[in-house]
Amino acid sequence: MTDLEKKNYYNILFGYYGVLLTEKQQYYFEDYYFNNYSLAEIAENNKTSRNAIHKQVKEVENKLIDYEDKLKLYQKASEIEEIIKDLDENIKEQI
């Protein structure tokens, strides 16, 4: 998986599971992945160490993967999209 694919995957998972994270974890994740701030910039803005931010971002990534492994919301949505894609146009309109 390329860095871009990984980033997109985490962004999708955050859409599903972000509300399960603490406010601070959400904030760090959004700054890092959505706002493209560096770890150093986030650390400076929050008056903490770069290492602490790195640890939090990695923890969020692990939590998002863990939530998906257990709940499989993204996997199920992808499967539904595949099924819908193959449906007749009349049935799609009814749905």
PDB file of N, CA and C in Angstrom:
ATOM      1  N   MET A   1       0.855  -1.174   0.000  1.00  0.00           N
ATOM      2  CA  MET A   1       0.000   0.000   0.000  1.00  0.00           C
ATOM      3  C   MET A   1       0.905   1.241   0.000  1.00  0.00           C
ATOM      4  N   THR A   2       0.657   2.132  -0.933  1.00  0.00           N
ATOM      5  CA  THR A   2       1.456   3.354  -1.014  1.00  0.00           C
ATOM      6  C   THR A   2       1.073   4.304   0.130  1.00  0.00           C
ATOM      7  N   ASP A   3       1.892   5.321   0.331  1.00  0.00           N
ATOM      8  CA  ASP A   3       1.597   6.306   1.376  1.00  0.00           C
ATOM      9  C   ASP A   3       0.266   7.009   1.124  1.00  0.00           C
ATOM     10  N   LEU A   4      -0.001   7.322  -0.141  1.00  0.00           N
ATOM     11  CA  LEU A   4      -1.253   7.987  -0.483  1.00  0.00           C
ATOM     12  C   LEU A   4      -2.448   7.074  -0.222  1.00  0.00           C
ATOM     13  N   GLU A   5      -2.328   5.804  -0.588  1.00  0.00           N
ATOM     14  CA  GLU A   5      -3.414   4.851  -0.334  1.00  0.00           C
ATOM     15  C   GLU A   5      -3.646   4.686   1.164  1.00  0.00           C
ATOM     16  N   LYS A   6      -2.547   4.639   1.919  1.00  0.00           N
ATOM     17  CA  LYS A   6      -2.651   4.517   3.372  1.00  0.00           C
ATOM     18  C   LYS A   6      -3.331   5.749   3.964  1.00  0.00           C
ATOM     19  N   LYS A   7      -2.945   6.918   3.488  1.00  0.00           N
ATOM     20  CA  LYS A   7      -3.549   8.161   3.974  1.00  0.00           C
ATOM     21  C   LYS A   7      -5.048   8.179   3.674  1.00  0.00           C
ATOM     22  N   ASN A   8      -5.419   7.806   2.464  1.00  0.00           N
ATOM     23  CA  ASN A   8      -6.836   7.762   2.094  1.00  0.00           C
ATOM     24  C   ASN A   8      -7.600   6.755   2.948  1.00  0.00           C
ATOM     25  N   TYR A   9      -6.985   5.617   3.203  1.00  0.00           N
ATOM     26  CA  TYR A   9      -7.615   4.578   4.023  1.00  0.00           C
ATOM     27  C   TYR A   9      -7.872   5.094   5.438  1.00  0.00           C
ATOM     28  N   TYR A  10      -6.878   5.731   6.041  1.00  0.00           N
ATOM     29  CA  TYR A  10      -7.054   6.285   7.388  1.00  0.00           C
ATOM     30  C   TYR A  10      -8.116   7.380   7.398  1.00  0.00           C
ATOM     31  N   ASN A  11      -8.154   8.186   6.358  1.00  0.00           N
ATOM     32  CA  ASN A  11      -9.173   9.231   6.283  1.00  0.00           C
ATOM     33  C   ASN A  11     -10.575   8.635   6.225  1.00  0.00           C
ATOM     34  N   ILE A  12     -10.730   7.572   5.451  1.00  0.00           N
ATOM     35  CA  ILE A  12     -12.032   6.897   5.370  1.00  0.00           C
ATOM     36  C   ILE A  12     -12.399   6.302   6.718  1.00  0.00           C
ATOM     37  N   LEU A  13     -11.452   5.603   7.339  1.00  0.00           N
ATOM     38  CA  LEU A  13     -11.730   5.003   8.648  1.00  0.00           C
ATOM     39  C   LEU A  13     -12.062   6.069   9.681  1.00  0.00           C
ATOM     40  N   PHE A  14     -11.387   7.216   9.609  1.00  0.00           N
ATOM     41  CA  PHE A  14     -11.677   8.310  10.533  1.00  0.00           C
ATOM     42  C   PHE A  14     -13.116   8.782  10.360  1.00  0.00           C
ATOM     43  N   GLY A  15     -13.598   8.773   9.130  1.00  0.00           N
ATOM     44  CA  GLY A  15     -14.983   9.149   8.886  1.00  0.00           C
ATOM     45  C   GLY A  15     -15.967   8.227   9.584  1.00  0.00           C
ATOM     46  N   TYR A  16     -15.623   6.968   9.666  1.00  0.00           N
ATOM     47  CA  TYR A  16     -16.480   6.000  10.340  1.00  0.00           C
ATOM     48  C   TYR A  16     -16.307   6.014  11.861  1.00  0.00           C
ATOM     49  N   TYR A  17     -15.072   6.083  12.308  1.00  0.00           N
ATOM     50  CA  TYR A  17     -14.782   5.829  13.718  1.00  0.00           C
ATOM     51  C   TYR A  17     -14.216   7.022  14.486  1.00  0.00           C
ATOM     52  N   GLY A  18     -14.074   8.152  13.849  1.00  0.00           N
ATOM     53  CA  GLY A  18     -13.469   9.306  14.509  1.00  0.00           C
ATOM     54  C   GLY A  18     -14.161   9.716  15.794  1.00  0.00           C
ATOM     55  N   VAL A  19     -15.469   9.553  15.842  1.00  0.00           N
ATOM     56  CA  VAL A  19     -16.215   9.956  17.048  1.00  0.00           C
ATOM     57  C   VAL A  19     -15.873   9.082  18.256  1.00  0.00           C
ATOM     58  N   LEU A  20     -15.238   7.946  18.025  1.00  0.00           N
ATOM     59  CA  LEU A  20     -14.861   7.066  19.124  1.00  0.00           C
ATOM     60  C   LEU A  20     -13.529   7.472  19.764  1.00  0.00           C
ATOM     61  N   LEU A  21     -12.862   8.434  19.162  1.00  0.00           N
ATOM     62  CA  LEU A  21     -11.578   8.912  19.670  1.00  0.00           C
ATOM     63  C   LEU A  21     -11.787  10.085  20.617  1.00  0.00           C
ATOM     64  N   THR A  22     -10.777  10.360  21.426  1.00  0.00           N
ATOM     65  CA  THR A  22     -10.860  11.533  22.296  1.00  0.00           C
ATOM     66  C   THR A  22     -10.780  12.792  21.434  1.00  0.00           C
ATOM     67  N   GLU A  23     -11.196  13.919  21.993  1.00  0.00           N
ATOM     68  CA  GLU A  23     -11.136  15.182  21.252  1.00  0.00           C
ATOM     69  C   GLU A  23      -9.707  15.509  20.836  1.00  0.00           C
ATOM     70  N   LYS A  24      -8.773  15.278  21.724  1.00  0.00           N
ATOM     71  CA  LYS A  24      -7.373  15.576  21.436  1.00  0.00           C
ATOM     72  C   LYS A  24      -6.865  14.682  20.299  1.00  0.00           C
ATOM     73  N   GLN A  25      -7.223  13.398  20.322  1.00  0.00           N
ATOM     74  CA  GLN A  25      -6.817  12.486  19.251  1.00  0.00           C
ATOM     75  C   GLN A  25      -7.415  12.921  17.917  1.00  0.00           C
ATOM     76  N   GLN A  26      -8.672  13.318  17.942  1.00  0.00           N
ATOM     77  CA  GLN A  26      -9.311  13.809  16.721  1.00  0.00           C
ATOM     78  C   GLN A  26      -8.592  15.035  16.192  1.00  0.00           C
ATOM     79  N   TYR A  27      -8.268  15.944  17.084  1.00  0.00           N
ATOM     80  CA  TYR A  27      -7.599  17.189  16.714  1.00  0.00           C
ATOM     81  C   TYR A  27      -6.236  16.909  16.084  1.00  0.00           C
ATOM     82  N   TYR A  28      -5.433  16.061  16.721  1.00  0.00           N
ATOM     83  CA  TYR A  28      -4.110  15.733  16.194  1.00  0.00           C
ATOM     84  C   TYR A  28      -4.222  15.044  14.838  1.00  0.00           C
ATOM     85  N   PHE A  29      -5.153  14.110  14.738  1.00  0.00           N
ATOM     86  CA  PHE A  29      -5.336  13.382  13.480  1.00  0.00           C
ATOM     87  C   PHE A  29      -5.735  14.340  12.364  1.00  0.00           C
ATOM     88  N   GLU A  30      -6.689  15.207  12.631  1.00  0.00           N
ATOM     89  CA  GLU A  30      -7.150  16.165  11.624  1.00  0.00           C
ATOM     90  C   GLU A  30      -6.023  17.104  11.199  1.00  0.00           C
ATOM     91  N   ASP A  31      -5.250  17.582  12.171  1.00  0.00           N
ATOM     92  CA  ASP A  31      -4.129  18.453  11.816  1.00  0.00           C
ATOM     93  C   ASP A  31      -3.113  17.721  10.951  1.00  0.00           C
ATOM     94  N   TYR A  32      -2.828  16.489  11.293  1.00  0.00           N
ATOM     95  CA  TYR A  32      -1.811  15.734  10.569  1.00  0.00           C
ATOM     96  C   TYR A  32      -2.299  15.274   9.198  1.00  0.00           C
ATOM     97  N   TYR A  33      -3.495  14.685   9.144  1.00  0.00           N
ATOM     98  CA  TYR A  33      -3.983  14.092   7.896  1.00  0.00           C
ATOM     99  C   TYR A  33      -4.804  15.040   7.027  1.00  0.00           C
ATOM    100  N   PHE A  34      -5.583  15.906   7.608  1.00  0.00           N
ATOM    101  CA  PHE A  34      -6.432  16.797   6.811  1.00  0.00           C
ATOM    102  C   PHE A  34      -5.761  18.130   6.515  1.00  0.00           C
ATOM    103  N   ASN A  35      -5.080  18.689   7.513  1.00  0.00           N
ATOM    104  CA  ASN A  35      -4.471  20.007   7.360  1.00  0.00           C
ATOM    105  C   ASN A  35      -3.013  19.934   6.919  1.00  0.00           C
ATOM    106  N   ASN A  36      -2.475  18.723   6.833  1.00  0.00           N
ATOM    107  CA  ASN A  36      -1.095  18.479   6.387  1.00  0.00           C
ATOM    108  C   ASN A  36      -0.050  19.219   7.218  1.00  0.00           C
ATOM    109  N   TYR A  37      -0.303  19.357   8.509  1.00  0.00           N
ATOM    110  CA  TYR A  37       0.700  19.931   9.400  1.00  0.00           C
ATOM    111  C   TYR A  37       1.740  18.856   9.703  1.00  0.00           C
ATOM    112  N   SER A  38       2.961  19.283   9.895  1.00  0.00           N
ATOM    113  CA  SER A  38       4.002  18.341  10.300  1.00  0.00           C
ATOM    114  C   SER A  38       3.834  18.038  11.788  1.00  0.00           C
ATOM    115  N   LEU A  39       4.471  16.965  12.221  1.00  0.00           N
ATOM    116  CA  LEU A  39       4.424  16.628  13.642  1.00  0.00           C
ATOM    117  C   LEU A  39       5.003  17.763  14.475  1.00  0.00           C
ATOM    118  N   ALA A  40       6.064  18.381  13.972  1.00  0.00           N
ATOM    119  CA  ALA A  40       6.692  19.492  14.690  1.00  0.00           C
ATOM    120  C   ALA A  40       5.743  20.683  14.803  1.00  0.00           C
ATOM    121  N   GLU A  41       5.007  20.979  13.741  1.00  0.00           N
ATOM    122  CA  GLU A  41       4.057  22.095  13.775  1.00  0.00           C
ATOM    123  C   GLU A  41       2.932  21.827  14.769  1.00  0.00           C
ATOM    124  N   ILE A  42       2.430  20.622  14.774  1.00  0.00           N
ATOM    125  CA  ILE A  42       1.357  20.266  15.710  1.00  0.00           C
ATOM    126  C   ILE A  42       1.878  20.362  17.140  1.00  0.00           C
ATOM    127  N   ALA A  43       3.092  19.860  17.350  1.00  0.00           N
ATOM    128  CA  ALA A  43       3.693  19.914  18.684  1.00  0.00           C
ATOM    129  C   ALA A  43       3.863  21.358  19.145  1.00  0.00           C
ATOM    130  N   GLU A  44       4.353  22.201  18.264  1.00  0.00           N
ATOM    131  CA  GLU A  44       4.552  23.608  18.612  1.00  0.00           C
ATOM    132  C   GLU A  44       3.221  24.282  18.935  1.00  0.00           C
ATOM    133  N   ASN A  45       2.197  24.025  18.124  1.00  0.00           N
ATOM    134  CA  ASN A  45       0.881  24.631  18.335  1.00  0.00           C
ATOM    135  C   ASN A  45       0.242  24.182  19.647  1.00  0.00           C
ATOM    136  N   ASN A  46       0.604  22.977  20.101  1.00  0.00           N
ATOM    137  CA  ASN A  46      -0.005  22.421  21.313  1.00  0.00           C
ATOM    138  C   ASN A  46       0.946  22.402  22.500  1.00  0.00           C
ATOM    139  N   LYS A  47       2.105  23.029  22.318  1.00  0.00           N
ATOM    140  CA  LYS A  47       3.097  23.136  23.392  1.00  0.00           C
ATOM    141  C   LYS A  47       3.422  21.773  23.997  1.00  0.00           C
ATOM    142  N   THR A  48       3.739  20.839  23.122  1.00  0.00           N
ATOM    143  CA  THR A  48       4.134  19.501  23.548  1.00  0.00           C
ATOM    144  C   THR A  48       5.278  19.036  22.649  1.00  0.00           C
ATOM    145  N   SER A  49       5.749  17.838  22.871  1.00  0.00           N
ATOM    146  CA  SER A  49       6.883  17.353  22.082  1.00  0.00           C
ATOM    147  C   SER A  49       6.417  16.710  20.782  1.00  0.00           C
ATOM    148  N   ARG A  50       7.307  16.727  19.811  1.00  0.00           N
ATOM    149  CA  ARG A  50       7.040  16.074  18.532  1.00  0.00           C
ATOM    150  C   ARG A  50       6.804  14.578  18.760  1.00  0.00           C
ATOM    151  N   ASN A  51       7.581  14.002  19.672  1.00  0.00           N
ATOM    152  CA  ASN A  51       7.452  12.579  19.965  1.00  0.00           C
ATOM    153  C   ASN A  51       6.069  12.244  20.535  1.00  0.00           C
ATOM    154  N   ALA A  52       5.544  13.112  21.371  1.00  0.00           N
ATOM    155  CA  ALA A  52       4.211  12.887  21.948  1.00  0.00           C
ATOM    156  C   ALA A  52       3.145  12.911  20.859  1.00  0.00           C
ATOM    157  N   ILE A  53       3.283  13.820  19.913  1.00  0.00           N
ATOM    158  CA  ILE A  53       2.324  13.902  18.806  1.00  0.00           C
ATOM    159  C   ILE A  53       2.442  12.660  17.930  1.00  0.00           C
ATOM    160  N   HIS A  54       3.673  12.261  17.640  1.00  0.00           N
ATOM    161  CA  HIS A  54       3.892  11.064  16.824  1.00  0.00           C
ATOM    162  C   HIS A  54       3.235   9.844  17.478  1.00  0.00           C
ATOM    163  N   LYS A  55       3.440   9.722  18.780  1.00  0.00           N
ATOM    164  CA  LYS A  55       2.851   8.600  19.516  1.00  0.00           C
ATOM    165  C   LYS A  55       1.323   8.627  19.426  1.00  0.00           C
ATOM    166  N   GLN A  56       0.727   9.809  19.579  1.00  0.00           N
ATOM    167  CA  GLN A  56      -0.728   9.933  19.508  1.00  0.00           C
ATOM    168  C   GLN A  56      -1.259   9.601  18.109  1.00  0.00           C
ATOM    169  N   VAL A  57      -0.586  10.084  17.073  1.00  0.00           N
ATOM    170  CA  VAL A  57      -1.029   9.811  15.703  1.00  0.00           C
ATOM    171  C   VAL A  57      -0.952   8.314  15.426  1.00  0.00           C
ATOM    172  N   LYS A  58       0.130   7.665  15.849  1.00  0.00           N
ATOM    173  CA  LYS A  58       0.269   6.215  15.655  1.00  0.00           C
ATOM    174  C   LYS A  58      -0.800   5.462  16.444  1.00  0.00           C
ATOM    175  N   GLU A  59      -1.098   5.931  17.633  1.00  0.00           N
ATOM    176  CA  GLU A  59      -2.133   5.293  18.448  1.00  0.00           C
ATOM    177  C   GLU A  59      -3.494   5.399  17.759  1.00  0.00           C
ATOM    178  N   VAL A  60      -3.780   6.562  17.191  1.00  0.00           N
ATOM    179  CA  VAL A  60      -5.038   6.740  16.466  1.00  0.00           C
ATOM    180  C   VAL A  60      -5.096   5.801  15.256  1.00  0.00           C
ATOM    181  N   GLU A  61      -4.009   5.725  14.503  1.00  0.00           N
ATOM    182  CA  GLU A  61      -3.979   4.818  13.348  1.00  0.00           C
ATOM    183  C   GLU A  61      -4.269   3.386  13.783  1.00  0.00           C
ATOM    184  N   ASN A  62      -3.638   2.959  14.872  1.00  0.00           N
ATOM    185  CA  ASN A  62      -3.856   1.606  15.374  1.00  0.00           C
ATOM    186  C   ASN A  62      -5.287   1.396  15.842  1.00  0.00           C
ATOM    187  N   LYS A  63      -5.851   2.409  16.497  1.00  0.00           N
ATOM    188  CA  LYS A  63      -7.238   2.302  16.954  1.00  0.00           C
ATOM    189  C   LYS A  63      -8.201   2.210  15.774  1.00  0.00           C
ATOM    190  N   LEU A  64      -7.968   3.016  14.754  1.00  0.00           N
ATOM    191  CA  LEU A  64      -8.839   2.986  13.582  1.00  0.00           C
ATOM    192  C   LEU A  64      -8.811   1.607  12.918  1.00  0.00           C
ATOM    193  N   ILE A  65      -7.634   1.045  12.804  1.00  0.00           N
ATOM    194  CA  ILE A  65      -7.511  -0.294  12.219  1.00  0.00           C
ATOM    195  C   ILE A  65      -8.196  -1.320  13.113  1.00  0.00           C
ATOM    196  N   ASP A  66      -8.015  -1.197  14.415  1.00  0.00           N
ATOM    197  CA  ASP A  66      -8.642  -2.123  15.360  1.00  0.00           C
ATOM    198  C   ASP A  66     -10.170  -2.036  15.282  1.00  0.00           C
ATOM    199  N   TYR A  67     -10.698  -0.816  15.226  1.00  0.00           N
ATOM    200  CA  TYR A  67     -12.150  -0.653  15.108  1.00  0.00           C
ATOM    201  C   TYR A  67     -12.660  -1.299  13.823  1.00  0.00           C
ATOM    202  N   GLU A  68     -11.948  -1.093  12.730  1.00  0.00           N
ATOM    203  CA  GLU A  68     -12.371  -1.679  11.453  1.00  0.00           C
ATOM    204  C   GLU A  68     -12.281  -3.201  11.504  1.00  0.00           C
ATOM    205  N   ASP A  69     -11.241  -3.738  12.129  1.00  0.00           N
ATOM    206  CA  ASP A  69     -11.108  -5.197  12.264  1.00  0.00           C
ATOM    207  C   ASP A  69     -12.284  -5.794  13.025  1.00  0.00           C
ATOM    208  N   LYS A  70     -12.781  -5.048  14.001  1.00  0.00           N
ATOM    209  CA  LYS A  70     -13.869  -5.560  14.835  1.00  0.00           C
ATOM    210  C   LYS A  70     -15.249  -5.263  14.247  1.00  0.00           C
ATOM    211  N   LEU A  71     -15.450  -4.057  13.744  1.00  0.00           N
ATOM    212  CA  LEU A  71     -16.782  -3.634  13.312  1.00  0.00           C
ATOM    213  C   LEU A  71     -17.022  -3.761  11.815  1.00  0.00           C
ATOM    214  N   LYS A  72     -15.975  -3.655  11.034  1.00  0.00           N
ATOM    215  CA  LYS A  72     -16.000  -3.853   9.579  1.00  0.00           C
ATOM    216  C   LYS A  72     -17.003  -2.953   8.834  1.00  0.00           C
ATOM    217  N   LEU A  73     -17.194  -1.728   9.302  1.00  0.00           N
ATOM    218  CA  LEU A  73     -18.134  -0.820   8.645  1.00  0.00           C
ATOM    219  C   LEU A  73     -17.672  -0.450   7.234  1.00  0.00           C
ATOM    220  N   TYR A  74     -16.383  -0.161   7.085  1.00  0.00           N
ATOM    221  CA  TYR A  74     -15.861   0.192   5.760  1.00  0.00           C
ATOM    222  C   TYR A  74     -15.940  -1.003   4.813  1.00  0.00           C
ATOM    223  N   GLN A  75     -15.570  -2.175   5.296  1.00  0.00           N
ATOM    224  CA  GLN A  75     -15.629  -3.383   4.467  1.00  0.00           C
ATOM    225  C   GLN A  75     -17.059  -3.657   4.006  1.00  0.00           C
ATOM    226  N   LYS A  76     -18.006  -3.529   4.901  1.00  0.00           N
ATOM    227  CA  LYS A  76     -19.409  -3.784   4.557  1.00  0.00           C
ATOM    228  C   LYS A  76     -19.929  -2.755   3.563  1.00  0.00           C
ATOM    229  N   ALA A  77     -19.554  -1.504   3.756  1.00  0.00           N
ATOM    230  CA  ALA A  77     -19.973  -0.454   2.824  1.00  0.00           C
ATOM    231  C   ALA A  77     -19.391  -0.706   1.441  1.00  0.00           C
ATOM    232  N   SER A  78     -18.156  -1.149   1.381  1.00  0.00           N
ATOM    233  CA  SER A  78     -17.519  -1.467   0.096  1.00  0.00           C
ATOM    234  C   SER A  78     -18.220  -2.631  -0.593  1.00  0.00           C
ATOM    235  N   GLU A  79     -18.582  -3.633   0.177  1.00  0.00           N
ATOM    236  CA  GLU A  79     -19.296  -4.785  -0.379  1.00  0.00           C
ATOM    237  C   GLU A  79     -20.665  -4.370  -0.921  1.00  0.00           C
ATOM    238  N   ILE A  80     -21.359  -3.510  -0.205  1.00  0.00           N
ATOM    239  CA  ILE A  80     -22.660  -3.020  -0.657  1.00  0.00           C
ATOM    240  C   ILE A  80     -22.506  -2.224  -1.948  1.00  0.00           C
ATOM    241  N   GLU A  81     -21.480  -1.386  -2.017  1.00  0.00           N
ATOM    242  CA  GLU A  81     -21.225  -0.618  -3.240  1.00  0.00           C
ATOM    243  C   GLU A  81     -21.000  -1.532  -4.435  1.00  0.00           C
ATOM    244  N   GLU A  82     -20.259  -2.608  -4.221  1.00  0.00           N
ATOM    245  CA  GLU A  82     -20.002  -3.568  -5.303  1.00  0.00           C
ATOM    246  C   GLU A  82     -21.300  -4.235  -5.770  1.00  0.00           C
ATOM    247  N   ILE A  83     -22.155  -4.585  -4.832  1.00  0.00           N
ATOM    248  CA  ILE A  83     -23.432  -5.222  -5.181  1.00  0.00           C
ATOM    249  C   ILE A  83     -24.305  -4.238  -5.947  1.00  0.00           C
ATOM    250  N   ILE A  84     -24.384  -3.018  -5.474  1.00  0.00           N
ATOM    251  CA  ILE A  84     -25.211  -1.994  -6.117  1.00  0.00           C
ATOM    252  C   ILE A  84     -24.699  -1.680  -7.516  1.00  0.00           C
ATOM    253  N   LYS A  85     -23.385  -1.667  -7.675  1.00  0.00           N
ATOM    254  CA  LYS A  85     -22.774  -1.359  -8.968  1.00  0.00           C
ATOM    255  C   LYS A  85     -23.249  -2.322 -10.055  1.00  0.00           C
ATOM    256  N   ASP A  86     -23.488  -3.569  -9.670  1.00  0.00           N
ATOM    257  CA  ASP A  86     -23.870  -4.593 -10.630  1.00  0.00           C
ATOM    258  C   ASP A  86     -25.382  -4.695 -10.847  1.00  0.00           C
ATOM    259  N   LEU A  87     -26.161  -3.903 -10.142  1.00  0.00           N
ATOM    260  CA  LEU A  87     -27.612  -3.971 -10.268  1.00  0.00           C
ATOM    261  C   LEU A  87     -28.090  -3.288 -11.545  1.00  0.00           C
ATOM    262  N   ASP A  88     -29.244  -3.698 -11.984  1.00  0.00           N
ATOM    263  CA  ASP A  88     -29.918  -3.088 -13.124  1.00  0.00           C
ATOM    264  C   ASP A  88     -30.244  -1.629 -12.784  1.00  0.00           C
ATOM    265  N   GLU A  89     -30.223  -0.758 -13.779  1.00  0.00           N
ATOM    266  CA  GLU A  89     -30.476   0.671 -13.556  1.00  0.00           C
ATOM    267  C   GLU A  89     -31.853   0.922 -12.947  1.00  0.00           C
ATOM    268  N   ASN A  90     -32.883   0.163 -13.339  1.00  0.00           N
ATOM    269  CA  ASN A  90     -34.219   0.341 -12.773  1.00  0.00           C
ATOM    270  C   ASN A  90     -34.230   0.050 -11.281  1.00  0.00           C
ATOM    271  N   ILE A  91     -33.528  -0.969 -10.884  1.00  0.00           N
ATOM    272  CA  ILE A  91     -33.464  -1.325  -9.460  1.00  0.00           C
ATOM    273  C   ILE A  91     -32.685  -0.249  -8.703  1.00  0.00           C
ATOM    274  N   LYS A  92     -31.623   0.266  -9.284  1.00  0.00           N
ATOM    275  CA  LYS A  92     -30.851   1.340  -8.645  1.00  0.00           C
ATOM    276  C   LYS A  92     -31.740   2.549  -8.368  1.00  0.00           C
ATOM    277  N   GLU A  93     -32.576   2.904  -9.338  1.00  0.00           N
ATOM    278  CA  GLU A  93     -33.472   4.036  -9.148  1.00  0.00           C
ATOM    279  C   GLU A  93     -34.471   3.798  -8.028  1.00  0.00           C
ATOM    280  N   GLN A  94     -34.944   2.553  -7.896  1.00  0.00           N
ATOM    281  CA  GLN A  94     -35.883   2.224  -6.839  1.00  0.00           C
ATOM    282  C   GLN A  94     -35.226   2.310  -5.465  1.00  0.00           C
ATOM    283  N   ILE A  95     -33.959   1.975  -5.416  1.00  0.00           N
ATOM    284  CA  ILE A  95     -33.230   2.011  -4.137  1.00  0.00           C
ATOM    285  C   ILE A  95     -33.012   3.459  -3.759  1.00  0.00           C
TER     286      ILE A  95
END
